[in-house]
Structure formats: C-alpha cells, structure tokens
C-alpha cells in the first residue's frame, strides 16, 4: 500500500502493508543471489559533494540532481546513483587489490517527471566488481546474475549486451535488460564497464511492478 499525505513532496512515497512486505521479500532474494557469488555489502552516504557526479557521471546529470549548499557553503547533493561513489572508493582503497565484489541497496534521488515506475526518490540494487582479473569473466557473471534477479519476477524479458549507456564514466558499450510488458519503464537493469571495474544496477521500483 502507498499512502499519500498533504504537502508531501512530489515523486516520493510512503509504503506499508503487503507492498512493503513484498519489497522486503524480493530484496532478500536478491541479496542471497549476490552473496552466493561472494559479493559483500557496502553502504553509501546519501549526501555527497556535487563534484563526485559532475566529474564522474558528466555535467548532463546536473539537471537531474537535488543540489544545495550546506552551512559551510559547500556544494552538496542527494545521491543520484551509486557507481560514481564506488569508483572513488576503489581509486583510494583498492587500486592494488583484485576482484573486490560489492553489492548495495540504496535510495537515490533525481528530479524527473514522476510516473508509474519512475519516482524522484527511488531504490537501486547495485552490484560492482572492482579490478577484475578477467573482465570478460566478470561481465559474463554479472549478466547472468542480473538475468537471475529479473527471473525472480518474470521469465519474459529482453537483454541487449551492446548498448550505449548514458553516463560518461562508461568506457565501452554496456548492457541492459528490459521487460517489454512494462511499457515506457521497461528497462529494469543497466550496466557496463568503467575504468575501475564493471557493474550493474537494478531499478527496484520498476522490477516491483512485475512482483505485485
């Protein structure tokens, strides 16, 4: 059940009851799938410097970000996605370490026109493989893992393993998984290679449309 209250910000939701239970059950299944492949949880901050995303993801993302100044006059934002932060952490802590495998489940925020399956506050389940010894093995495993997660809610889906991804940190063509019956919001998984590794994110709110 989604609840509405007066003066609530547009594009955010209060979720309770059976829907909250279904979301938790699906999340738990996805965590099991990731951890069976030795991915470990990482918890990311919700408030970050704007520069993280303008430097990593490109200036085009600025128009979608919730930005503000704090009391120290620093330019901050609500996190619009997770991969850029993981890249920074990788550069600082894991440059000499191979095969660091991570998963996260985080709220993200983007100023977009709300519609079914697309919200301004939304949830992503992300999987990242930092410094893989063999990028092709990593890519194959990640695509199979993403497919298995989608199969938790449907068997009918489409995969495109050679697609131009929108964020500028991607170094090659990426991959996407779509569920055609979801219409305009059919893309539920997007991922690809970047300098520090390879990963993907599941649009949790969109995939939930097939789980109700």
Protein backbone atom coordinates (compact mmCIF):
# COMPACT_ATOMS: atom_id res chain seq x y z
CA UNK A 1 0.00 0.00 0.00
CA UNK A 2 1.23 3.50 -0.87
CA UNK A 3 -0.01 6.30 1.39
CA UNK A 4 -0.39 9.95 0.50
CA UNK A 5 -0.38 12.92 2.87
CA UNK A 6 -0.97 16.62 2.29
CA UNK A 7 2.07 18.67 1.33
CA UNK A 8 4.15 15.55 0.65
CA UNK A 9 6.92 16.17 -1.88
CA UNK A 10 6.07 15.14 -5.42
CA UNK A 11 7.60 11.87 -6.58
CA UNK A 12 8.13 10.29 -3.13
CA UNK A 13 6.06 7.61 -1.41
CA UNK A 14 5.15 6.13 1.94
CA UNK A 15 4.93 2.34 1.57
CA UNK A 16 3.43 -0.06 4.10
CA UNK A 17 1.45 -3.27 4.45
CA UNK A 18 1.60 -6.05 1.86
CA UNK A 19 3.58 -3.96 -0.63
CA UNK A 20 6.30 -3.27 1.93
CA UNK A 21 6.40 -6.99 2.71
CA UNK A 22 6.69 -7.93 -0.98
CA UNK A 23 9.53 -5.43 -1.43
CA UNK A 24 11.41 -6.89 1.53
CA UNK A 25 10.94 -10.44 0.27
CA UNK A 26 12.26 -9.57 -3.19
CA UNK A 27 15.20 -7.66 -1.72
CA UNK A 28 16.15 -10.59 0.49
CA UNK A 29 16.14 -12.95 -2.51
CA UNK A 30 18.39 -10.57 -4.47
CA UNK A 31 20.80 -10.30 -1.54
CA UNK A 32 21.03 -14.10 -1.36
CA UNK A 33 21.83 -14.30 -5.09
CA UNK A 34 24.57 -11.67 -4.77
CA UNK A 35 26.15 -13.14 -1.67
CA UNK A 36 26.16 -16.64 -3.17
CA UNK A 37 28.59 -15.13 -5.72
CA UNK A 38 30.72 -13.63 -2.92
CA UNK A 39 29.58 -10.01 -3.27
CA UNK A 40 29.69 -8.14 0.03
CA UNK A 41 27.51 -5.26 1.15
CA UNK A 42 28.67 -1.67 1.03
CA UNK A 43 26.55 1.16 2.50
CA UNK A 44 26.89 4.51 0.73
CA UNK A 45 26.19 8.05 2.00
CA UNK A 46 23.00 9.80 0.93
CA UNK A 47 24.53 13.31 0.89
CA UNK A 48 27.68 13.82 -1.16
CA UNK A 49 29.70 16.55 -2.92
CA UNK A 50 28.24 17.55 -6.27
CA UNK A 51 31.70 17.22 -7.83
CA UNK A 52 31.60 13.44 -7.49
CA UNK A 53 28.88 13.28 -10.13
CA UNK A 54 29.93 16.13 -12.39
CA UNK A 55 33.44 14.66 -12.60
CA UNK A 56 32.44 11.01 -12.92
CA UNK A 57 28.99 10.94 -14.47
CA UNK A 58 29.22 14.13 -16.55
CA UNK A 59 27.62 17.56 -16.47
CA UNK A 60 24.43 16.25 -18.05
CA UNK A 61 23.41 14.71 -14.73
CA UNK A 62 23.43 18.12 -13.01
CA UNK A 63 19.98 18.95 -14.32
CA UNK A 64 18.56 15.85 -12.58
CA UNK A 65 20.29 16.28 -9.22
CA UNK A 66 18.91 17.67 -5.99
CA UNK A 67 21.63 20.19 -5.12
CA UNK A 68 22.11 22.55 -2.20
CA UNK A 69 24.74 24.33 -0.10
CA UNK A 70 25.37 23.36 3.50
CA UNK A 71 26.17 25.76 6.34
CA UNK A 72 29.83 25.68 5.32
CA UNK A 73 28.91 26.88 1.80
CA UNK A 74 29.87 23.51 0.30
CA UNK A 75 28.09 22.32 -2.87
CA UNK A 76 26.32 19.08 -1.95
CA UNK A 77 23.65 16.85 -3.45
CA UNK A 78 21.40 13.93 -2.69
CA UNK A 79 22.98 10.87 -4.28
CA UNK A 80 21.54 10.31 -7.81
CA UNK A 81 23.17 6.85 -8.27
CA UNK A 82 25.80 4.63 -6.67
CA UNK A 83 28.52 3.69 -9.16
CA UNK A 84 30.36 7.04 -9.15
CA UNK A 85 30.93 6.83 -5.40
CA UNK A 86 32.12 3.23 -5.66
CA UNK A 87 34.65 4.33 -8.29
CA UNK A 88 36.10 6.95 -5.95
CA UNK A 89 36.38 4.44 -3.14
CA UNK A 90 38.08 2.00 -5.50
CA UNK A 91 40.66 4.59 -6.52
CA UNK A 92 41.51 5.40 -2.92
CA UNK A 93 41.44 1.99 -1.23
CA UNK A 94 41.51 -0.83 -3.78
CA UNK A 95 43.93 0.23 -6.53
CA UNK A 96 46.23 -2.72 -5.85
CA UNK A 97 43.52 -5.19 -4.85
CA UNK A 98 41.94 -7.53 -7.38
CA UNK A 99 38.42 -8.86 -7.55
CA UNK A 100 36.64 -6.69 -4.98
CA UNK A 101 32.96 -7.65 -5.27
CA UNK A 102 30.27 -5.41 -3.77
CA UNK A 103 26.51 -5.03 -3.59
CA UNK A 104 24.36 -2.20 -2.26
CA UNK A 105 20.70 -1.31 -1.90
CA UNK A 106 20.22 2.42 -1.68
CA UNK A 107 17.74 5.25 -2.02
CA UNK A 108 18.62 7.63 -4.85
CA UNK A 109 17.15 10.96 -5.91
CA UNK A 110 16.67 12.53 -9.34
CA UNK A 111 14.45 15.41 -10.35
CA UNK A 112 12.41 13.75 -13.09
CA UNK A 113 8.76 13.77 -14.10
CA UNK A 114 7.10 11.18 -11.83
CA UNK A 115 5.14 8.38 -13.48
CA UNK A 116 4.42 4.72 -12.87
CA UNK A 117 7.73 3.01 -12.07
CA UNK A 118 9.69 6.29 -12.08
CA UNK A 119 9.95 8.40 -8.94
CA UNK A 120 12.11 11.24 -7.68
CA UNK A 121 13.08 9.16 -4.68
CA UNK A 122 13.78 5.65 -5.90
CA UNK A 123 15.68 2.50 -4.98
CA UNK A 124 18.57 0.78 -6.74
CA UNK A 125 20.11 -2.62 -6.12
CA UNK A 126 23.66 -2.30 -7.39
CA UNK A 127 26.40 -4.86 -7.98
CA UNK A 128 30.01 -3.83 -8.69
CA UNK A 129 33.15 -5.86 -9.46
CA UNK A 130 36.27 -3.76 -8.90
CA UNK A 131 39.58 -4.60 -10.62
CA UNK A 132 38.53 -7.96 -12.09
CA UNK A 133 41.39 -10.22 -13.16
CA UNK A 134 39.41 -11.10 -16.30
CA UNK A 135 36.89 -8.51 -17.47
CA UNK A 136 35.09 -10.94 -19.79
CA UNK A 137 34.56 -13.47 -17.00
CA UNK A 138 33.30 -10.65 -14.78
CA UNK A 139 30.92 -9.38 -17.46
CA UNK A 140 29.52 -12.85 -18.11
CA UNK A 141 28.95 -13.45 -14.40
CA UNK A 142 27.29 -10.08 -13.90
CA UNK A 143 24.94 -10.52 -16.85
CA UNK A 144 23.95 -13.97 -15.62
CA UNK A 145 23.40 -12.59 -12.10
CA UNK A 146 21.27 -9.75 -13.46
CA UNK A 147 19.21 -12.22 -15.52
CA UNK A 148 18.67 -14.42 -12.46
CA UNK A 149 17.44 -11.42 -10.48
CA UNK A 150 14.99 -10.47 -13.22
CA UNK A 151 13.79 -14.08 -13.35
CA UNK A 152 12.64 -13.68 -9.74
CA UNK A 153 9.69 -11.73 -11.16
CA UNK A 154 9.31 -12.84 -14.80
CA UNK A 155 10.64 -15.24 -17.44
CA UNK A 156 9.79 -12.95 -20.36
CA UNK A 157 12.50 -10.33 -20.79
CA UNK A 158 14.93 -8.98 -23.36
CA UNK A 159 18.68 -8.47 -22.98
CA UNK A 160 20.88 -6.14 -25.02
CA UNK A 161 24.58 -6.67 -24.30
CA UNK A 162 25.79 -3.96 -26.67
CA UNK A 163 24.16 -0.61 -25.90
CA UNK A 164 25.38 2.95 -25.41
CA UNK A 165 24.96 3.86 -21.73
CA UNK A 166 24.08 7.42 -20.75
CA UNK A 167 26.67 8.21 -18.08
CA UNK A 168 30.09 9.36 -19.23
CA UNK A 169 32.18 7.10 -16.98
CA UNK A 170 31.33 4.02 -19.06
CA UNK A 171 34.29 3.08 -21.26
CA UNK A 172 32.61 0.62 -23.65
CA UNK A 173 29.13 -0.32 -24.78
CA UNK A 174 27.12 -1.61 -21.86
CA UNK A 175 24.20 -3.96 -21.30
CA UNK A 176 20.54 -3.57 -20.42
CA UNK A 177 17.66 -5.88 -19.54
CA UNK A 178 14.09 -4.89 -20.35
CA UNK A 179 10.67 -6.31 -19.57
CA UNK A 180 8.56 -5.29 -22.61
CA UNK A 181 5.22 -5.61 -20.78
CA UNK A 182 6.20 -2.67 -18.55
CA UNK A 183 5.89 -0.28 -21.47
CA UNK A 184 7.70 3.05 -21.13
CA UNK A 185 9.50 1.89 -17.98
CA UNK A 186 10.58 -1.45 -19.46
CA UNK A 187 14.32 -1.05 -18.77
CA UNK A 188 14.93 -2.64 -15.36
CA UNK A 189 18.71 -3.29 -15.45
CA UNK A 190 21.57 -1.21 -16.80
CA UNK A 191 25.30 -1.71 -16.51
CA UNK A 192 28.70 -1.74 -18.13
CA UNK A 193 32.45 -1.30 -17.83
CA UNK A 194 34.22 1.68 -16.32
CA UNK A 195 37.89 2.37 -15.58
CA UNK A 196 37.84 0.74 -12.15
CA UNK A 197 35.70 -2.28 -13.00
CA UNK A 198 32.23 -3.30 -14.13
CA UNK A 199 28.79 -3.34 -12.58
CA UNK A 200 25.04 -3.02 -12.97
CA UNK A 201 22.05 -1.59 -11.14
CA UNK A 202 18.52 -2.92 -10.91
CA UNK A 203 15.70 -0.37 -10.90
CA UNK A 204 13.99 -1.84 -7.87
CA UNK A 205 10.77 0.15 -8.18
CA UNK A 206 10.37 -0.86 -11.81
CA UNK A 207 11.02 -4.54 -11.20
CA UNK A 208 8.50 -4.40 -8.35
CA UNK A 209 5.80 -3.62 -10.93
CA UNK A 210 6.13 -7.27 -12.02
CA UNK A 211 6.24 -8.56 -8.44
CA UNK A 212 2.83 -7.36 -7.23
